[in-house]
Amino acid sequence: MIFIILVFLLAFLAWCFLGAVQRPRNFPPGPSGLPIVGNALRLGKSNYKTVLALREKYGDIIGLRMGTKWFVYLINPDDAREAFRKPEFSGRTGYNVLMDTTAEELNSGL
């Protein structure tokens, strides 16, 4: 009985883990991240230098995962301006991680 419960528990955890790691459809290219932390350790303290190095390999639009959240880096200023003008991007919500680490009145974005 305990063996069956453990098998189902492991299957459930594997299903949850693989669902969180899988890159969303039509998401920009980027490096594959580590389980649970994603690409957070890759960025480290020199975020700017790391993103510029990733730009050489993946281009001006990079998709990264931080924990369970997916982020898009728009390196080219023209791409960022276009993203802020399009109505498809206006419905995005802020990320609580950014709110907790910065200040409540700040939101994600530029």
PDB file of N, CA and C in Angstrom:
ATOM      1  N   MET A   1       0.816  -1.194   0.000  1.00  0.00           N
ATOM      2  CA  MET A   1       0.000   0.000   0.000  1.00  0.00           C
ATOM      3  C   MET A   1       0.866   1.267   0.000  1.00  0.00           C
ATOM      4  N   ILE A   2       1.897   1.282   0.830  1.00  0.00           N
ATOM      5  CA  ILE A   2       2.789   2.442   0.879  1.00  0.00           C
ATOM      6  C   ILE A   2       3.528   2.596  -0.444  1.00  0.00           C
ATOM      7  N   PHE A   3       3.889   1.459  -1.049  1.00  0.00           N
ATOM      8  CA  PHE A   3       4.575   1.501  -2.343  1.00  0.00           C
ATOM      9  C   PHE A   3       3.700   2.170  -3.406  1.00  0.00           C
ATOM     10  N   ILE A   4       2.427   1.846  -3.431  1.00  0.00           N
ATOM     11  CA  ILE A   4       1.511   2.440  -4.414  1.00  0.00           C
ATOM     12  C   ILE A   4       1.369   3.940  -4.179  1.00  0.00           C
ATOM     13  N   ILE A   5       1.271   4.347  -2.925  1.00  0.00           N
ATOM     14  CA  ILE A   5       1.176   5.777  -2.607  1.00  0.00           C
ATOM     15  C   ILE A   5       2.446   6.498  -3.035  1.00  0.00           C
ATOM     16  N   LEU A   6       3.608   5.898  -2.788  1.00  0.00           N
ATOM     17  CA  LEU A   6       4.873   6.513  -3.198  1.00  0.00           C
ATOM     18  C   LEU A   6       4.977   6.630  -4.714  1.00  0.00           C
ATOM     19  N   VAL A   7       4.523   5.615  -5.432  1.00  0.00           N
ATOM     20  CA  VAL A   7       4.557   5.660  -6.898  1.00  0.00           C
ATOM     21  C   VAL A   7       3.679   6.795  -7.410  1.00  0.00           C
ATOM     22  N   PHE A   8       2.464   6.913  -6.867  1.00  0.00           N
ATOM     23  CA  PHE A   8       1.578   8.000  -7.292  1.00  0.00           C
ATOM     24  C   PHE A   8       2.134   9.365  -6.905  1.00  0.00           C
ATOM     25  N   LEU A   9       2.741   9.459  -5.737  1.00  0.00           N
ATOM     26  CA  LEU A   9       3.338  10.722  -5.308  1.00  0.00           C
ATOM     27  C   LEU A   9       4.491  11.116  -6.223  1.00  0.00           C
ATOM     28  N   LEU A  10       5.353  10.171  -6.552  1.00  0.00           N
ATOM     29  CA  LEU A  10       6.464  10.455  -7.464  1.00  0.00           C
ATOM     30  C   LEU A  10       5.965  10.811  -8.860  1.00  0.00           C
ATOM     31  N   ALA A  11       4.933  10.125  -9.321  1.00  0.00           N
ATOM     32  CA  ALA A  11       4.365  10.447 -10.635  1.00  0.00           C
ATOM     33  C   ALA A  11       3.768  11.850 -10.634  1.00  0.00           C
ATOM     34  N   PHE A  12       3.089  12.214  -9.561  1.00  0.00           N
ATOM     35  CA  PHE A  12       2.510  13.554  -9.458  1.00  0.00           C
ATOM     36  C   PHE A  12       3.602  14.618  -9.422  1.00  0.00           C
ATOM     37  N   LEU A  13       4.645  14.397  -8.644  1.00  0.00           N
ATOM     38  CA  LEU A  13       5.746  15.361  -8.573  1.00  0.00           C
ATOM     39  C   LEU A  13       6.455  15.492  -9.914  1.00  0.00           C
ATOM     40  N   ALA A  14       6.649  14.386 -10.612  1.00  0.00           N
ATOM     41  CA  ALA A  14       7.277  14.440 -11.938  1.00  0.00           C
ATOM     42  C   ALA A  14       6.400  15.204 -12.916  1.00  0.00           C
ATOM     43  N   TRP A  15       5.104  15.001 -12.855  1.00  0.00           N
ATOM     44  CA  TRP A  15       4.176  15.713 -13.734  1.00  0.00           C
ATOM     45  C   TRP A  15       4.216  17.212 -13.449  1.00  0.00           C
ATOM     46  N   CYS A  16       4.202  17.588 -12.163  1.00  0.00           N
ATOM     47  CA  CYS A  16       4.287  19.011 -11.798  1.00  0.00           C
ATOM     48  C   CYS A  16       5.614  19.606 -12.248  1.00  0.00           C
ATOM     49  N   PHE A  17       6.703  18.875 -12.026  1.00  0.00           N
ATOM     50  CA  PHE A  17       8.036  19.367 -12.367  1.00  0.00           C
ATOM     51  C   PHE A  17       8.189  19.559 -13.868  1.00  0.00           C
ATOM     52  N   LEU A  18       7.770  18.579 -14.651  1.00  0.00           N
ATOM     53  CA  LEU A  18       7.914  18.677 -16.104  1.00  0.00           C
ATOM     54  C   LEU A  18       7.010  19.750 -16.685  1.00  0.00           C
ATOM     55  N   GLY A  19       5.865  19.969 -16.090  1.00  0.00           N
ATOM     56  CA  GLY A  19       4.981  21.027 -16.563  1.00  0.00           C
ATOM     57  C   GLY A  19       5.562  22.404 -16.318  1.00  0.00           C
ATOM     58  N   ALA A  20       6.273  22.587 -15.207  1.00  0.00           N
ATOM     59  CA  ALA A  20       6.861  23.892 -14.892  1.00  0.00           C
ATOM     60  C   ALA A  20       8.101  24.170 -15.723  1.00  0.00           C
ATOM     61  N   VAL A  21       8.800  23.132 -16.155  1.00  0.00           N
ATOM     62  CA  VAL A  21      10.050  23.303 -16.884  1.00  0.00           C
ATOM     63  C   VAL A  21       9.817  23.494 -18.382  1.00  0.00           C
ATOM     64  N   GLN A  22       8.730  22.972 -18.886  1.00  0.00           N
ATOM     65  CA  GLN A  22       8.478  23.008 -20.325  1.00  0.00           C
ATOM     66  C   GLN A  22       8.313  24.444 -20.816  1.00  0.00           C
ATOM     67  N   ARG A  23       9.034  24.777 -21.859  1.00  0.00           N
ATOM     68  CA  ARG A  23       8.982  26.116 -22.453  1.00  0.00           C
ATOM     69  C   ARG A  23       7.626  26.321 -23.122  1.00  0.00           C
ATOM     70  N   PRO A  24       6.969  27.470 -22.864  1.00  0.00           N
ATOM     71  CA  PRO A  24       5.670  27.730 -23.502  1.00  0.00           C
ATOM     72  C   PRO A  24       5.781  27.761 -25.024  1.00  0.00           C
ATOM     73  N   ARG A  25       4.684  27.481 -25.672  1.00  0.00           N
ATOM     74  CA  ARG A  25       4.637  27.498 -27.129  1.00  0.00           C
ATOM     75  C   ARG A  25       4.878  28.920 -27.637  1.00  0.00           C
ATOM     76  N   ASN A  26       5.588  29.063 -28.729  1.00  0.00           N
ATOM     77  CA  ASN A  26       5.913  30.356 -29.358  1.00  0.00           C
ATOM     78  C   ASN A  26       6.703  31.276 -28.433  1.00  0.00           C
ATOM     79  N   PHE A  27       7.459  30.720 -27.498  1.00  0.00           N
ATOM     80  CA  PHE A  27       8.263  31.529 -26.582  1.00  0.00           C
ATOM     81  C   PHE A  27       9.626  31.780 -27.214  1.00  0.00           C
ATOM     82  N   PRO A  28      10.228  32.957 -26.968  1.00  0.00           N
ATOM     83  CA  PRO A  28      11.535  33.256 -27.572  1.00  0.00           C
ATOM     84  C   PRO A  28      12.605  32.251 -27.140  1.00  0.00           C
ATOM     85  N   PRO A  29      13.622  32.054 -27.966  1.00  0.00           N
ATOM     86  CA  PRO A  29      14.688  31.114 -27.607  1.00  0.00           C
ATOM     87  C   PRO A  29      15.513  31.632 -26.439  1.00  0.00           C
ATOM     88  N   GLY A  30      16.113  30.708 -25.736  1.00  0.00           N
ATOM     89  CA  GLY A  30      16.962  31.062 -24.608  1.00  0.00           C
ATOM     90  C   GLY A  30      17.584  29.805 -24.031  1.00  0.00           C
ATOM     91  N   PRO A  31      18.464  29.971 -23.060  1.00  0.00           N
ATOM     92  CA  PRO A  31      19.134  28.811 -22.471  1.00  0.00           C
ATOM     93  C   PRO A  31      18.172  27.995 -21.619  1.00  0.00           C
ATOM     94  N   SER A  32      18.424  26.698 -21.557  1.00  0.00           N
ATOM     95  CA  SER A  32      17.618  25.865 -20.671  1.00  0.00           C
ATOM     96  C   SER A  32      18.093  26.091 -19.244  1.00  0.00           C
ATOM     97  N   GLY A  33      17.176  26.163 -18.324  1.00  0.00           N
ATOM     98  CA  GLY A  33      17.514  26.452 -16.934  1.00  0.00           C
ATOM     99  C   GLY A  33      17.592  25.198 -16.086  1.00  0.00           C
ATOM    100  N   LEU A  34      18.045  25.379 -14.877  1.00  0.00           N
ATOM    101  CA  LEU A  34      18.100  24.291 -13.906  1.00  0.00           C
ATOM    102  C   LEU A  34      16.711  24.046 -13.329  1.00  0.00           C
ATOM    103  N   PRO A  35      16.442  22.837 -12.850  1.00  0.00           N
ATOM    104  CA  PRO A  35      15.155  22.601 -12.197  1.00  0.00           C
ATOM    105  C   PRO A  35      14.976  23.524 -10.995  1.00  0.00           C
ATOM    106  N   ILE A  36      13.799  23.956 -10.764  1.00  0.00           N
ATOM    107  CA  ILE A  36      13.344  24.796  -9.660  1.00  0.00           C
ATOM    108  C   ILE A  36      13.819  26.240  -9.797  1.00  0.00           C
ATOM    109  N   VAL A  37      15.103  26.516  -9.967  1.00  0.00           N
ATOM    110  CA  VAL A  37      15.605  27.896 -10.002  1.00  0.00           C
ATOM    111  C   VAL A  37      15.639  28.487 -11.404  1.00  0.00           C
ATOM    112  N   GLY A  38      15.552  27.673 -12.417  1.00  0.00           N
ATOM    113  CA  GLY A  38      15.577  28.189 -13.792  1.00  0.00           C
ATOM    114  C   GLY A  38      16.932  28.770 -14.150  1.00  0.00           C
ATOM    115  N   ASN A  39      16.934  30.003 -14.646  1.00  0.00           N
ATOM    116  CA  ASN A  39      18.165  30.680 -15.049  1.00  0.00           C
ATOM    117  C   ASN A  39      18.637  31.701 -14.020  1.00  0.00           C
ATOM    118  N   ALA A  40      18.073  31.691 -12.827  1.00  0.00           N
ATOM    119  CA  ALA A  40      18.409  32.688 -11.811  1.00  0.00           C
ATOM    120  C   ALA A  40      19.887  32.640 -11.435  1.00  0.00           C
ATOM    121  N   LEU A  41      20.457  31.463 -11.317  1.00  0.00           N
ATOM    122  CA  LEU A  41      21.871  31.358 -10.949  1.00  0.00           C
ATOM    123  C   LEU A  41      22.781  31.793 -12.087  1.00  0.00           C
ATOM    124  N   ARG A  42      22.321  31.628 -13.313  1.00  0.00           N
ATOM    125  CA  ARG A  42      23.123  32.027 -14.473  1.00  0.00           C
ATOM    126  C   ARG A  42      23.299  33.548 -14.502  1.00  0.00           C
ATOM    127  N   LEU A  43      22.257  34.284 -14.154  1.00  0.00           N
ATOM    128  CA  LEU A  43      22.336  35.742 -14.215  1.00  0.00           C
ATOM    129  C   LEU A  43      23.224  36.299 -13.110  1.00  0.00           C
ATOM    130  N   GLY A  44      23.038  35.854 -11.895  1.00  0.00           N
ATOM    131  CA  GLY A  44      23.897  36.286 -10.796  1.00  0.00           C
ATOM    132  C   GLY A  44      23.937  37.788 -10.608  1.00  0.00           C
ATOM    133  N   LYS A  45      25.109  38.312 -10.219  1.00  0.00           N
ATOM    134  CA  LYS A  45      25.249  39.742  -9.939  1.00  0.00           C
ATOM    135  C   LYS A  45      25.483  40.567 -11.193  1.00  0.00           C
ATOM    136  N   SER A  46      26.125  40.005 -12.194  1.00  0.00           N
ATOM    137  CA  SER A  46      26.409  40.760 -13.418  1.00  0.00           C
ATOM    138  C   SER A  46      25.341  40.454 -14.474  1.00  0.00           C
ATOM    139  N   ASN A  47      24.122  40.815 -14.158  1.00  0.00           N
ATOM    140  CA  ASN A  47      22.980  40.555 -15.030  1.00  0.00           C
ATOM    141  C   ASN A  47      23.193  41.139 -16.422  1.00  0.00           C
ATOM    142  N   TYR A  48      23.670  42.357 -16.504  1.00  0.00           N
ATOM    143  CA  TYR A  48      23.843  43.049 -17.783  1.00  0.00           C
ATOM    144  C   TYR A  48      24.839  42.313 -18.683  1.00  0.00           C
ATOM    145  N   LYS A  49      25.978  41.932 -18.120  1.00  0.00           N
ATOM    146  CA  LYS A  49      27.000  41.236 -18.911  1.00  0.00           C
ATOM    147  C   LYS A  49      26.510  39.869 -19.381  1.00  0.00           C
ATOM    148  N   THR A  50      25.790  39.177 -18.521  1.00  0.00           N
ATOM    149  CA  THR A  50      25.278  37.860 -18.892  1.00  0.00           C
ATOM    150  C   THR A  50      24.257  37.967 -20.015  1.00  0.00           C
ATOM    151  N   VAL A  51      23.363  38.950 -19.929  1.00  0.00           N
ATOM    152  CA  VAL A  51      22.348  39.123 -20.973  1.00  0.00           C
ATOM    153  C   VAL A  51      23.006  39.499 -22.295  1.00  0.00           C
ATOM    154  N   LEU A  52      24.044  40.320 -22.265  1.00  0.00           N
ATOM    155  CA  LEU A  52      24.746  40.656 -23.509  1.00  0.00           C
ATOM    156  C   LEU A  52      25.427  39.428 -24.117  1.00  0.00           C
ATOM    157  N   ALA A  53      25.958  38.555 -23.270  1.00  0.00           N
ATOM    158  CA  ALA A  53      26.557  37.319 -23.782  1.00  0.00           C
ATOM    159  C   ALA A  53      25.484  36.402 -24.377  1.00  0.00           C
ATOM    160  N   LEU A  54      24.325  36.352 -23.744  1.00  0.00           N
ATOM    161  CA  LEU A  54      23.226  35.549 -24.279  1.00  0.00           C
ATOM    162  C   LEU A  54      22.703  36.131 -25.589  1.00  0.00           C
ATOM    163  N   ARG A  55      22.801  37.441 -25.730  1.00  0.00           N
ATOM    164  CA  ARG A  55      22.357  38.106 -26.960  1.00  0.00           C
ATOM    165  C   ARG A  55      23.158  37.613 -28.164  1.00  0.00           C
ATOM    166  N   GLU A  56      24.446  37.384 -27.966  1.00  0.00           N
ATOM    167  CA  GLU A  56      25.291  36.895 -29.055  1.00  0.00           C
ATOM    168  C   GLU A  56      24.786  35.553 -29.586  1.00  0.00           C
ATOM    169  N   LYS A  57      24.263  34.722 -28.693  1.00  0.00           N
ATOM    170  CA  LYS A  57      23.837  33.382 -29.086  1.00  0.00           C
ATOM    171  C   LYS A  57      22.369  33.321 -29.518  1.00  0.00           C
ATOM    172  N   TYR A  58      21.483  34.051 -28.817  1.00  0.00           N
ATOM    173  CA  TYR A  58      20.043  33.900 -29.032  1.00  0.00           C
ATOM    174  C   TYR A  58      19.383  35.081 -29.739  1.00  0.00           C
ATOM    175  N   GLY A  59      20.066  36.199 -29.890  1.00  0.00           N
ATOM    176  CA  GLY A  59      19.477  37.344 -30.579  1.00  0.00           C
ATOM    177  C   GLY A  59      18.962  38.405 -29.620  1.00  0.00           C
ATOM    178  N   ASP A  60      18.182  39.355 -30.160  1.00  0.00           N
ATOM    179  CA  ASP A  60      17.728  40.514 -29.383  1.00  0.00           C
ATOM    180  C   ASP A  60      16.552  40.222 -28.458  1.00  0.00           C
ATOM    181  N   ILE A  61      15.874  39.106 -28.639  1.00  0.00           N
ATOM    182  CA  ILE A  61      14.752  38.735 -27.774  1.00  0.00           C
ATOM    183  C   ILE A  61      15.082  37.381 -27.160  1.00  0.00           C
ATOM    184  N   ILE A  62      15.168  37.354 -25.820  1.00  0.00           N
ATOM    185  CA  ILE A  62      15.605  36.153 -25.106  1.00  0.00           C
ATOM    186  C   ILE A  62      14.532  35.748 -24.109  1.00  0.00           C
ATOM    187  N   GLY A  63      14.240  34.466 -24.044  1.00  0.00           N
ATOM    188  CA  GLY A  63      13.304  33.934 -23.059  1.00  0.00           C
ATOM    189  C   GLY A  63      14.053  33.210 -21.954  1.00  0.00           C
ATOM    190  N   LEU A  64      13.797  33.601 -20.705  1.00  0.00           N
ATOM    191  CA  LEU A  64      14.448  32.983 -19.545  1.00  0.00           C
ATOM    192  C   LEU A  64      13.399  32.584 -18.516  1.00  0.00           C
ATOM    193  N   ARG A  65      13.728  31.597 -17.705  1.00  0.00           N
ATOM    194  CA  ARG A  65      12.845  31.175 -16.621  1.00  0.00           C
ATOM    195  C   ARG A  65      13.519  31.466 -15.292  1.00  0.00           C
ATOM    196  N   MET A  66      12.788  32.157 -14.413  1.00  0.00           N
ATOM    197  CA  MET A  66      13.252  32.429 -13.051  1.00  0.00           C
ATOM    198  C   MET A  66      12.294  31.725 -12.100  1.00  0.00           C
ATOM    199  N   GLY A  67      12.742  30.639 -11.530  1.00  0.00           N
ATOM    200  CA  GLY A  67      11.834  29.838 -10.707  1.00  0.00           C
ATOM    201  C   GLY A  67      10.786  29.205 -11.601  1.00  0.00           C
ATOM    202  N   THR A  68       9.521  29.504 -11.333  1.00  0.00           N
ATOM    203  CA  THR A  68       8.439  28.971 -12.163  1.00  0.00           C
ATOM    204  C   THR A  68       7.900  30.002 -13.143  1.00  0.00           C
ATOM    205  N   LYS A  69       8.417  31.206 -13.147  1.00  0.00           N
ATOM    206  CA  LYS A  69       7.944  32.280 -14.032  1.00  0.00           C
ATOM    207  C   LYS A  69       8.836  32.400 -15.260  1.00  0.00           C
ATOM    208  N   TRP A  70       8.218  32.712 -16.387  1.00  0.00           N
ATOM    209  CA  TRP A  70       8.943  32.919 -17.640  1.00  0.00           C
ATOM    210  C   TRP A  70       9.050  34.409 -17.901  1.00  0.00           C
ATOM    211  N   PHE A  71      10.235  34.864 -18.294  1.00  0.00           N
ATOM    212  CA  PHE A  71      10.499  36.272 -18.573  1.00  0.00           C
ATOM    213  C   PHE A  71      11.026  36.425 -19.989  1.00  0.00           C
ATOM    214  N   VAL A  72      10.729  37.566 -20.589  1.00  0.00           N
ATOM    215  CA  VAL A  72      11.237  37.887 -21.917  1.00  0.00           C
ATOM    216  C   VAL A  72      12.106  39.129 -21.786  1.00  0.00           C
ATOM    217  N   TYR A  73      13.343  39.036 -22.250  1.00  0.00           N
ATOM    218  CA  TYR A  73      14.254  40.179 -22.281  1.00  0.00           C
ATOM    219  C   TYR A  73      14.219  40.776 -23.679  1.00  0.00           C
ATOM    220  N   LEU A  74      13.849  42.044 -23.771  1.00  0.00           N
ATOM    221  CA  LEU A  74      13.880  42.782 -25.036  1.00  0.00           C
ATOM    222  C   LEU A  74      15.106  43.674 -24.994  1.00  0.00           C
ATOM    223  N   ILE A  75      16.137  43.312 -25.718  1.00  0.00           N
ATOM    224  CA  ILE A  75      17.408  44.022 -25.638  1.00  0.00           C
ATOM    225  C   ILE A  75      17.423  45.240 -26.548  1.00  0.00           C
ATOM    226  N   ASN A  76      16.819  45.136 -27.696  1.00  0.00           N
ATOM    227  CA  ASN A  76      16.772  46.243 -28.644  1.00  0.00           C
ATOM    228  C   ASN A  76      15.720  47.260 -28.184  1.00  0.00           C
ATOM    229  N   PRO A  77      16.075  48.536 -28.014  1.00  0.00           N
ATOM    230  CA  PRO A  77      15.103  49.544 -27.570  1.00  0.00           C
ATOM    231  C   PRO A  77      13.894  49.670 -28.495  1.00  0.00           C
ATOM    232  N   ASP A  78      14.093  49.475 -29.792  1.00  0.00           N
ATOM    233  CA  ASP A  78      12.960  49.550 -30.723  1.00  0.00           C
ATOM    234  C   ASP A  78      11.950  48.433 -30.453  1.00  0.00           C
ATOM    235  N   ASP A  79      12.435  47.246 -30.117  1.00  0.00           N
ATOM    236  CA  ASP A  79      11.532  46.142 -29.771  1.00  0.00           C
ATOM    237  C   ASP A  79      10.750  46.458 -28.499  1.00  0.00           C
ATOM    238  N   ALA A  80      11.420  47.057 -27.517  1.00  0.00           N
ATOM    239  CA  ALA A  80      10.744  47.412 -26.268  1.00  0.00           C
ATOM    240  C   ALA A  80       9.668  48.467 -26.512  1.00  0.00           C
ATOM    241  N   ARG A  81       9.971  49.477 -27.322  1.00  0.00           N
ATOM    242  CA  ARG A  81       8.968  50.504 -27.639  1.00  0.00           C
ATOM    243  C   ARG A  81       7.761  49.895 -28.343  1.00  0.00           C
ATOM    244  N   GLU A  82       8.029  49.011 -29.286  1.00  0.00           N
ATOM    245  CA  GLU A  82       6.938  48.364 -30.017  1.00  0.00           C
ATOM    246  C   GLU A  82       6.080  47.517 -29.072  1.00  0.00           C
ATOM    247  N   ALA A  83       6.721  46.831 -28.138  1.00  0.00           N
ATOM    248  CA  ALA A  83       5.977  46.006 -27.184  1.00  0.00           C
ATOM    249  C   ALA A  83       5.083  46.859 -26.295  1.00  0.00           C
ATOM    250  N   PHE A  84       5.548  48.038 -25.906  1.00  0.00           N
ATOM    251  CA  PHE A  84       4.734  48.895 -25.053  1.00  0.00           C
ATOM    252  C   PHE A  84       3.596  49.567 -25.819  1.00  0.00           C
ATOM    253  N   ARG A  85       3.720  49.679 -27.119  1.00  0.00           N
ATOM    254  CA  ARG A  85       2.664  50.292 -27.931  1.00  0.00           C
ATOM    255  C   ARG A  85       1.555  49.314 -28.290  1.00  0.00           C
ATOM    256  N   LYS A  86       1.888  48.045 -28.410  1.00  0.00           N
ATOM    257  CA  LYS A  86       0.903  47.060 -28.863  1.00  0.00           C
ATOM    258  C   LYS A  86      -0.086  46.719 -27.748  1.00  0.00           C
ATOM    259  N   PRO A  87      -1.365  46.610 -28.097  1.00  0.00           N
ATOM    260  CA  PRO A  87      -2.363  46.271 -27.072  1.00  0.00           C
ATOM    261  C   PRO A  87      -2.223  44.847 -26.532  1.00  0.00           C
ATOM    262  N   GLU A  88      -1.552  43.966 -27.257  1.00  0.00           N
ATOM    263  CA  GLU A  88      -1.380  42.591 -26.783  1.00  0.00           C
ATOM    264  C   GLU A  88      -0.581  42.525 -25.488  1.00  0.00           C
ATOM    265  N   PHE A  89       0.263  43.510 -25.251  1.00  0.00           N
ATOM    266  CA  PHE A  89       1.115  43.505 -24.061  1.00  0.00           C
ATOM    267  C   PHE A  89       0.527  44.306 -22.904  1.00  0.00           C
ATOM    268  N   SER A  90      -0.553  45.037 -23.131  1.00  0.00           N
ATOM    269  CA  SER A  90      -1.077  45.932 -22.103  1.00  0.00           C
ATOM    270  C   SER A  90      -1.774  45.197 -20.967  1.00  0.00           C
ATOM    271  N   GLY A  91      -2.171  43.960 -21.167  1.00  0.00           N
ATOM    272  CA  GLY A  91      -2.883  43.224 -20.135  1.00  0.00           C
ATOM    273  C   GLY A  91      -1.998  42.421 -19.213  1.00  0.00           C
ATOM    274  N   ARG A  92      -0.697  42.561 -19.309  1.00  0.00           N
ATOM    275  CA  ARG A  92       0.210  41.776 -18.473  1.00  0.00           C
ATOM    276  C   ARG A  92       0.158  42.276 -17.037  1.00  0.00           C
ATOM    277  N   THR A  93       0.220  41.339 -16.106  1.00  0.00           N
ATOM    278  CA  THR A  93       0.219  41.713 -14.697  1.00  0.00           C
ATOM    279  C   THR A  93       1.649  41.847 -14.202  1.00  0.00           C
ATOM    280  N   GLY A  94       1.841  42.566 -13.109  1.00  0.00           N
ATOM    281  CA  GLY A  94       3.155  42.691 -12.494  1.00  0.00           C
ATOM    282  C   GLY A  94       3.512  41.411 -11.762  1.00  0.00           C
ATOM    283  N   TYR A  95       4.780  41.198 -11.536  1.00  0.00           N
ATOM    284  CA  TYR A  95       5.224  40.010 -10.822  1.00  0.00           C
ATOM    285  C   TYR A  95       5.482  40.368  -9.373  1.00  0.00           C
ATOM    286  N   ASN A  96       4.920  39.565  -8.475  1.00  0.00           N
ATOM    287  CA  ASN A  96       5.068  39.832  -7.053  1.00  0.00           C
ATOM    288  C   ASN A  96       6.517  39.768  -6.603  1.00  0.00           C
ATOM    289  N   VAL A  97       7.349  38.990  -7.278  1.00  0.00           N
ATOM    290  CA  VAL A  97       8.762  38.913  -6.916  1.00  0.00           C
ATOM    291  C   VAL A  97       9.397  40.285  -7.062  1.00  0.00           C
ATOM    292  N   LEU A  98       9.092  40.980  -8.153  1.00  0.00           N
ATOM    293  CA  LEU A  98       9.639  42.317  -8.348  1.00  0.00           C
ATOM    294  C   LEU A  98       9.081  43.288  -7.325  1.00  0.00           C
ATOM    295  N   MET A  99       7.819  43.146  -6.990  1.00  0.00           N
ATOM    296  CA  MET A  99       7.215  44.024  -5.990  1.00  0.00           C
ATOM    297  C   MET A  99       7.890  43.835  -4.631  1.00  0.00           C
ATOM    298  N   ASP A 100       8.173  42.584  -4.273  1.00  0.00           N
ATOM    299  CA  ASP A 100       8.779  42.309  -2.972  1.00  0.00           C
ATOM    300  C   ASP A 100      10.218  42.797  -2.895  1.00  0.00           C
ATOM    301  N   THR A 101      10.967  42.680  -3.995  1.00  0.00           N
ATOM    302  CA  THR A 101      12.383  43.027  -3.940  1.00  0.00           C
ATOM    303  C   THR A 101      12.646  44.499  -4.194  1.00  0.00           C
ATOM    304  N   THR A 102      11.721  45.206  -4.821  1.00  0.00           N
ATOM    305  CA  THR A 102      11.937  46.639  -5.070  1.00  0.00           C
ATOM    306  C   THR A 102      11.070  47.433  -4.115  1.00  0.00           C
ATOM    307  N   ALA A 103      10.016  47.977  -4.592  1.00  0.00           N
ATOM    308  CA  ALA A 103       9.080  48.719  -3.758  1.00  0.00           C
ATOM    309  C   ALA A 103       7.684  48.462  -4.303  1.00  0.00           C
ATOM    310  N   GLU A 104       6.691  48.630  -3.471  1.00  0.00           N
ATOM    311  CA  GLU A 104       5.340  48.304  -3.904  1.00  0.00           C
ATOM    312  C   GLU A 104       4.848  49.198  -5.027  1.00  0.00           C
ATOM    313  N   GLU A 105       5.307  50.440  -5.084  1.00  0.00           N
ATOM    314  CA  GLU A 105       4.813  51.326  -6.134  1.00  0.00           C
ATOM    315  C   GLU A 105       5.480  51.083  -7.484  1.00  0.00           C
ATOM    316  N   LEU A 106       6.579  50.334  -7.516  1.00  0.00           N
ATOM    317  CA  LEU A 106       7.239  50.021  -8.778  1.00  0.00           C
ATOM    318  C   LEU A 106       6.621  48.773  -9.378  1.00  0.00           C
ATOM    319  N   ASN A 107       6.635  48.690 -10.683  1.00  0.00           N
ATOM    320  CA  ASN A 107       6.092  47.528 -11.367  1.00  0.00           C
ATOM    321  C   ASN A 107       7.147  46.995 -12.311  1.00  0.00           C
ATOM    322  N   SER A 108       6.882  45.858 -12.935  1.00  0.00           N
ATOM    323  CA  SER A 108       7.843  45.301 -13.872  1.00  0.00           C
ATOM    324  C   SER A 108       7.865  46.123 -15.138  1.00  0.00           C
ATOM    325  N   GLY A 109       8.908  46.028 -15.889  1.00  0.00           N
ATOM    326  CA  GLY A 109       9.050  46.792 -17.132  1.00  0.00           C
ATOM    327  C   GLY A 109      10.342  47.571 -17.122  1.00  0.00           C
ATOM    328  N   LEU A 110      10.366  48.673 -17.857  1.00  0.00           N
ATOM    329  CA  LEU A 110      11.565  49.495 -17.926  1.00  0.00           C
ATOM    330  C   LEU A 110      11.786  50.095 -16.604  1.00  0.00           C
TER     331      LEU A 110
END
